[in-house]
Amino acid sequence: MTHSLKKSLIATVLLVLFLVVPVAAAGNTVLATHDGNNYSLEDFSIFFLRQLGASGLVTFLEQAVVYEEAKKLGLTPTAEEKAKFISENMSQEIYDGFAELYSAAALDKFVEYTVINDKFRKHLEAKFIAEKNISISDDDAHKFYNQNIGMFQPEERVWMSIISVDTLETANEVLAKLDSGEDFNDLASIYNVDSELRSRAGYVGMMERGQGLPPPIEDAAFALEPGQHSQVIKGTLFHVLYVHDKKPAEKFPFEDVKEDIKLLLKNQHVQRYVDAYLEDLYKRELPRFEIKAKLFKVGEDTQG
């Protein structure tokens, strides 16, 4: 995945998450304009609040419960932990973009919520590792290996993005811009006829040979080297591909992956304990919230 694509995907995820944090917006900031029309932060927030509805509030309150429990345990993030999250998980560029839209206090609260929730989950993982005698045998690992052999004997793989358009003329326009040095992800965010692909900057992800790509697209994808884009490919639509990375077919013997499988299975056991703990915590604490906003009063259908 290219750097700009990674930033785009992180930004999308963070922006949706940010909507369930109580924020003080910097006025009714204009996010975009089109043909003389302004589309504001308030327009955007109301739209997503409507989409999330009561389930969005529940998700937020679950995080609030964890936040309060973590603070009782002294897990409040340090300034260094917050800075690390911004640098490694959010990126300074995205943080600065949020700072243009939201107050410093709201943005700091969001970072604190995110980091403290992660710390609390790690605390629970350590707790159950210490308390539970979780043992994974070689037989357990070998059974998992045999049942999931495709994980350990993958076919040739390619990580790719795609731009799909309606006409050959548009496809050639895209190709000309790529050949002149314009960024594939930027163009994919504009030209793709599929809105979901536009939102992902055209990113398809990892595909194995024989996994179901139409033959012309599969042949082109596996013929490219990382960092290359294709010529125009004609199918139902007209396509241009970009390959981020590629791996040959591989076979990993059981002994080479046995310890990794044991760790995976151990972590799965631990996560079940963590999930059960959190479920009990939510059941106990969520009914204790007093909902103030009429929009979210119990019994009202905010999504219908």
Protein backbone atom coordinates (compact mmCIF):
# COMPACT_ATOMS: atom_id res chain seq x y z
CA MET A 1 0.00 0.00 0.00
CA THR A 2 1.41 3.41 -0.90
CA HIS A 3 1.90 6.07 1.77
CA SER A 4 -0.82 8.34 0.40
CA LEU A 5 -3.34 5.49 0.24
CA LYS A 6 -2.55 4.44 3.81
CA LYS A 7 -3.10 8.01 4.99
CA SER A 8 -6.37 8.21 3.09
CA LEU A 9 -7.74 5.02 4.67
CA ILE A 10 -6.63 6.05 8.18
CA ALA A 11 -8.23 9.44 7.71
CA THR A 12 -11.56 7.88 6.72
CA VAL A 13 -11.60 5.54 9.72
CA LEU A 14 -10.58 8.25 12.16
CA LEU A 15 -13.14 10.68 10.83
CA VAL A 16 -16.02 8.23 11.33
CA LEU A 17 -14.74 7.37 14.80
CA PHE A 18 -14.42 11.04 15.69
CA LEU A 19 -18.13 11.59 15.12
CA VAL A 20 -19.02 9.56 18.21
CA VAL A 21 -16.81 11.70 20.46
CA PRO A 22 -18.46 14.82 21.99
CA VAL A 23 -16.70 17.63 20.16
CA ALA A 24 -16.76 21.38 19.97
CA ALA A 25 -16.57 22.21 16.28
CA ALA A 26 -14.74 25.31 15.15
CA GLY A 27 -17.93 27.01 13.97
CA ASN A 28 -19.88 25.78 10.99
CA THR A 29 -16.73 25.13 8.98
CA VAL A 30 -17.14 24.67 5.22
CA LEU A 31 -15.72 21.31 4.15
CA ALA A 32 -16.42 21.53 0.43
CA THR A 33 -18.01 23.70 -2.21
CA HIS A 34 -19.69 22.76 -5.48
CA ASP A 35 -21.42 25.02 -8.00
CA GLY A 36 -21.76 27.78 -5.42
CA ASN A 37 -23.10 25.49 -2.68
CA ASN A 38 -21.31 25.14 0.66
CA TYR A 39 -21.23 21.82 2.52
CA SER A 40 -20.34 22.30 6.16
CA LEU A 41 -19.02 20.29 9.06
CA GLU A 42 -22.46 20.58 10.61
CA ASP A 43 -24.09 19.12 7.47
CA PHE A 44 -21.60 16.26 7.53
CA SER A 45 -22.01 15.56 11.26
CA ILE A 46 -25.81 15.50 11.11
CA PHE A 47 -25.71 13.15 8.13
CA PHE A 48 -23.46 10.65 9.91
CA LEU A 49 -25.27 11.05 13.23
CA ARG A 50 -28.45 10.04 11.40
CA GLN A 51 -26.69 7.03 9.87
CA LEU A 52 -25.19 5.90 13.17
CA GLY A 53 -28.38 6.49 15.16
CA ALA A 54 -28.85 4.84 18.54
CA SER A 55 -26.35 2.08 17.73
CA GLY A 56 -23.67 4.75 17.31
CA LEU A 57 -24.47 6.14 20.74
CA VAL A 58 -24.24 2.67 22.29
CA THR A 59 -20.82 2.15 20.70
CA PHE A 60 -19.65 5.46 22.09
CA LEU A 61 -21.02 4.73 25.57
CA GLU A 62 -19.26 1.35 25.56
CA GLN A 63 -16.01 3.23 24.97
CA ALA A 64 -16.96 5.67 27.73
CA VAL A 65 -17.42 2.75 30.14
CA VAL A 66 -13.96 1.44 29.27
CA TYR A 67 -12.53 4.94 29.63
CA GLU A 68 -13.92 5.28 33.15
CA GLU A 69 -12.74 1.80 34.18
CA ALA A 70 -9.26 2.45 32.78
CA LYS A 71 -8.97 5.75 34.66
CA LYS A 72 -9.80 3.96 37.92
CA LEU A 73 -6.81 1.68 37.23
CA GLY A 74 -4.50 4.62 36.59
CA LEU A 75 -4.16 3.92 32.87
CA THR A 76 -4.58 7.55 31.80
CA PRO A 77 -2.24 8.10 28.81
CA THR A 78 0.93 10.08 29.25
CA ALA A 79 1.84 12.94 26.96
CA GLU A 80 4.46 10.66 25.37
CA GLU A 81 1.86 7.94 24.65
CA LYS A 82 -0.46 10.47 23.04
CA ALA A 83 2.35 11.86 20.91
CA LYS A 84 3.31 8.33 19.84
CA PHE A 85 -0.30 7.59 18.79
CA ILE A 86 -0.45 10.78 16.74
CA SER A 87 2.89 10.07 15.09
CA GLU A 88 2.54 6.33 14.43
CA ASN A 89 -1.20 5.70 14.11
CA MET A 90 -2.80 8.98 13.13
CA SER A 91 0.03 10.94 11.45
CA GLN A 92 0.77 14.57 12.17
CA GLU A 93 -0.80 15.59 8.87
CA ILE A 94 -4.17 14.05 9.75
CA TYR A 95 -3.97 15.43 13.30
CA ASP A 96 -3.38 18.91 11.92
CA GLY A 97 -6.36 18.45 9.59
CA PHE A 98 -8.62 17.63 12.54
CA ALA A 99 -7.20 20.61 14.43
CA GLU A 100 -8.57 22.88 11.70
CA LEU A 101 -12.08 21.53 12.33
CA TYR A 102 -12.29 20.85 16.06
CA SER A 103 -11.20 22.52 19.28
CA ALA A 104 -7.88 21.56 20.85
CA ALA A 105 -9.71 20.20 23.90
CA ALA A 106 -11.98 17.96 21.82
CA LEU A 107 -9.12 16.62 19.74
CA ASP A 108 -7.03 15.89 22.84
CA LYS A 109 -10.00 14.06 24.36
CA PHE A 110 -10.35 11.91 21.25
CA VAL A 111 -6.68 10.94 21.37
CA GLU A 112 -6.98 10.19 25.09
CA TYR A 113 -10.09 8.04 24.55
CA THR A 114 -8.39 6.06 21.80
CA VAL A 115 -5.12 5.44 23.64
CA ILE A 116 -6.72 4.61 27.00
CA ASN A 117 -9.09 2.09 25.40
CA ASP A 118 -6.13 0.32 23.81
CA LYS A 119 -4.25 0.33 27.14
CA PHE A 120 -7.25 -1.13 28.96
CA ARG A 121 -7.55 -3.99 26.47
CA LYS A 122 -3.84 -4.75 26.83
CA HIS A 123 -4.30 -4.65 30.62
CA LEU A 124 -7.07 -7.26 30.35
CA GLU A 125 -4.97 -9.43 28.05
CA ALA A 126 -2.09 -9.42 30.56
CA LYS A 127 -4.54 -10.16 33.39
CA PHE A 128 -5.99 -13.25 31.72
CA ILE A 129 -2.62 -14.51 30.52
CA ALA A 130 -1.49 -14.39 34.15
CA GLU A 131 -4.69 -15.88 35.60
CA LYS A 132 -5.65 -18.55 33.08
CA ASN A 133 -3.58 -21.59 32.41
CA ILE A 134 -3.81 -21.53 28.62
CA SER A 135 -1.83 -24.33 27.03
CA ILE A 136 -1.69 -25.05 23.31
CA SER A 137 -0.33 -28.48 22.38
CA ASP A 138 1.52 -29.47 19.22
CA ASP A 139 -1.57 -31.52 18.27
CA ASP A 140 -3.78 -28.42 18.62
CA ALA A 141 -1.43 -26.47 16.40
CA HIS A 142 -1.17 -29.25 13.82
CA LYS A 143 -4.95 -29.56 13.63
CA PHE A 144 -5.22 -25.84 12.97
CA TYR A 145 -2.49 -26.10 10.33
CA ASN A 146 -4.32 -28.87 8.45
CA GLN A 147 -7.71 -27.14 8.69
CA ASN A 148 -6.27 -23.86 7.38
CA ILE A 149 -3.68 -25.14 4.95
CA GLY A 150 -4.39 -22.30 2.52
CA MET A 151 -2.93 -19.84 5.05
CA PHE A 152 0.39 -21.69 4.90
CA GLN A 153 0.51 -22.59 1.22
CA PRO A 154 -0.68 -19.40 -0.48
CA GLU A 155 -0.79 -19.03 -4.23
CA GLU A 156 0.88 -16.12 -5.99
CA ARG A 157 -0.53 -12.91 -4.51
CA VAL A 158 -0.84 -9.32 -5.60
CA TRP A 159 -1.87 -6.19 -3.69
CA MET A 160 -3.64 -3.92 -6.12
CA SER A 161 -5.79 -0.87 -6.75
CA ILE A 162 -8.08 -0.23 -9.69
CA ILE A 163 -9.68 2.64 -11.57
CA SER A 164 -12.85 1.61 -13.41
CA VAL A 165 -14.61 4.03 -15.75
CA ASP A 166 -17.47 3.94 -18.26
CA THR A 167 -15.72 4.95 -21.48
CA LEU A 168 -12.47 4.32 -23.30
CA GLU A 169 -12.04 8.07 -23.66
CA THR A 170 -12.09 8.54 -19.89
CA ALA A 171 -9.78 5.57 -19.37
CA ASN A 172 -7.26 7.08 -21.81
CA GLU A 173 -7.54 10.39 -19.98
CA VAL A 174 -6.68 8.62 -16.72
CA LEU A 175 -3.79 6.79 -18.39
CA ALA A 176 -2.36 10.03 -19.77
CA LYS A 177 -2.44 11.61 -16.31
CA LEU A 178 -0.70 8.58 -14.80
CA ASP A 179 1.96 8.66 -17.50
CA SER A 180 2.54 12.33 -16.74
CA GLY A 181 3.25 11.50 -13.08
CA GLU A 182 -0.08 12.09 -11.32
CA ASP A 183 -0.81 9.94 -8.26
CA PHE A 184 -2.87 6.78 -8.88
CA ASN A 185 -4.71 6.99 -5.55
CA ASP A 186 -5.71 10.60 -6.14
CA LEU A 187 -7.09 9.75 -9.57
CA ALA A 188 -8.85 6.63 -8.24
CA SER A 189 -10.60 8.82 -5.65
CA ILE A 190 -11.98 10.99 -8.46
CA TYR A 191 -12.59 8.79 -11.49
CA ASN A 192 -13.87 5.44 -10.18
CA VAL A 193 -17.51 4.93 -11.13
CA ASP A 194 -18.05 2.85 -8.00
CA SER A 195 -18.48 5.07 -4.93
CA GLU A 196 -17.01 2.49 -2.55
CA LEU A 197 -13.87 2.22 -4.66
CA ARG A 198 -13.66 6.01 -4.78
CA SER A 199 -13.81 6.15 -0.98
CA ARG A 200 -10.97 3.59 -0.76
CA ALA A 201 -8.86 5.38 -3.39
CA GLY A 202 -9.38 2.34 -5.62
CA TYR A 203 -7.74 -0.07 -3.19
CA VAL A 204 -8.84 -3.67 -3.75
CA GLY A 205 -6.35 -5.31 -1.40
CA MET A 206 -4.66 -8.68 -1.68
CA MET A 207 -5.81 -11.10 -4.36
CA GLU A 208 -4.52 -14.63 -4.97
CA ARG A 209 -4.16 -16.04 -8.44
CA GLY A 210 -7.32 -17.96 -9.24
CA GLN A 211 -9.31 -16.21 -6.51
CA GLY A 212 -11.94 -14.87 -8.88
CA LEU A 213 -10.57 -11.89 -10.77
CA PRO A 214 -11.78 -11.73 -14.39
CA PRO A 215 -9.04 -13.24 -16.59
CA PRO A 216 -8.00 -10.00 -18.35
CA ILE A 217 -7.61 -8.20 -15.02
CA GLU A 218 -5.86 -11.13 -13.33
CA ASP A 219 -3.45 -11.57 -16.24
CA ALA A 220 -2.59 -7.88 -16.21
CA ALA A 221 -2.22 -7.68 -12.43
CA PHE A 222 0.20 -10.58 -12.19
CA ALA A 223 2.21 -9.34 -15.17
CA LEU A 224 2.92 -6.01 -13.42
CA GLU A 225 5.75 -5.30 -11.01
CA PRO A 226 5.21 -3.35 -7.76
CA GLY A 227 4.89 0.35 -8.49
CA GLN A 228 3.65 -0.17 -12.06
CA HIS A 229 0.24 0.62 -13.56
CA SER A 230 -1.37 -1.21 -16.46
CA GLN A 231 -2.61 -0.05 -19.81
CA VAL A 232 -6.37 0.18 -20.34
CA ILE A 233 -8.12 -3.18 -19.87
CA LYS A 234 -11.53 -3.65 -21.49
CA GLY A 235 -14.18 -5.61 -19.65
CA THR A 236 -17.73 -4.64 -18.72
CA LEU A 237 -16.06 -1.32 -17.91
CA PHE A 238 -12.64 0.08 -18.76
CA HIS A 239 -9.97 -0.48 -16.11
CA VAL A 240 -6.50 0.67 -15.17
CA LEU A 241 -4.65 -1.29 -12.45
CA TYR A 242 -1.87 -0.43 -10.05
CA VAL A 243 0.21 -3.02 -8.18
CA HIS A 244 1.45 -2.08 -4.71
CA ASP A 245 3.17 -5.38 -3.90
CA LYS A 246 3.46 -8.96 -5.10
CA LYS A 247 4.46 -12.28 -3.54
CA PRO A 248 5.21 -15.63 -5.20
CA ALA A 249 3.43 -18.86 -4.26
CA GLU A 250 4.87 -20.27 -1.04
CA LYS A 251 4.72 -23.36 1.16
CA PHE A 252 5.47 -23.14 4.87
CA PRO A 253 6.17 -26.48 6.59
CA PHE A 254 4.36 -27.06 9.88
CA GLU A 255 7.56 -26.96 11.95
CA ASP A 256 8.37 -23.51 10.56
CA VAL A 257 5.05 -22.03 11.67
CA LYS A 258 4.19 -24.18 14.71
CA GLU A 259 5.14 -21.58 17.32
CA ASP A 260 3.33 -18.83 15.42
CA ILE A 261 0.18 -20.99 15.35
CA LYS A 262 0.45 -21.65 19.08
CA LEU A 263 0.73 -17.95 19.76
CA LEU A 264 -2.25 -17.24 17.51
CA LEU A 265 -4.41 -19.86 19.25
CA LYS A 266 -3.32 -18.62 22.66
CA ASN A 267 -4.25 -15.07 21.70
CA GLN A 268 -7.64 -16.27 20.47
CA HIS A 269 -8.31 -17.85 23.87
CA VAL A 270 -7.24 -14.66 25.63
CA GLN A 271 -9.46 -12.52 23.40
CA ARG A 272 -12.47 -14.68 24.27
CA TYR A 273 -11.87 -13.96 27.95
CA VAL A 274 -11.43 -10.25 27.21
CA ASP A 275 -14.59 -10.09 25.09
CA ALA A 276 -16.63 -11.90 27.75
CA TYR A 277 -15.31 -9.53 30.43
CA LEU A 278 -16.21 -6.47 28.35
CA GLU A 279 -19.65 -7.87 27.56
CA ASP A 280 -20.36 -8.29 31.26
CA LEU A 281 -19.01 -4.80 31.94
CA TYR A 282 -21.29 -3.26 29.28
CA LYS A 283 -24.35 -5.14 30.57
CA ARG A 284 -23.69 -3.85 34.05
CA GLU A 285 -22.81 -0.24 33.26
CA LEU A 286 -24.76 0.79 30.15
CA PRO A 287 -28.19 0.74 31.87
CA ARG A 288 -26.79 3.19 34.43
CA PHE A 289 -26.38 5.96 31.82
CA GLU A 290 -29.06 8.64 31.89
CA ILE A 291 -29.68 9.60 28.26
CA LYS A 292 -30.20 13.36 28.01
CA ALA A 293 -30.62 13.82 24.26
CA LYS A 294 -34.20 13.33 23.05
CA LEU A 295 -32.88 11.87 19.79
CA PHE A 296 -31.51 8.88 21.67
CA LYS A 297 -34.21 8.26 24.24
CA VAL A 298 -34.75 4.56 24.90
CA GLY A 299 -37.53 3.14 22.74
CA GLU A 300 -37.27 5.71 19.97
CA ASP A 301 -36.29 4.45 16.54
CA THR A 302 -33.61 6.84 15.32
CA GLN A 303 -32.72 4.76 12.29
CA GLY A 304 -36.04 3.98 10.69
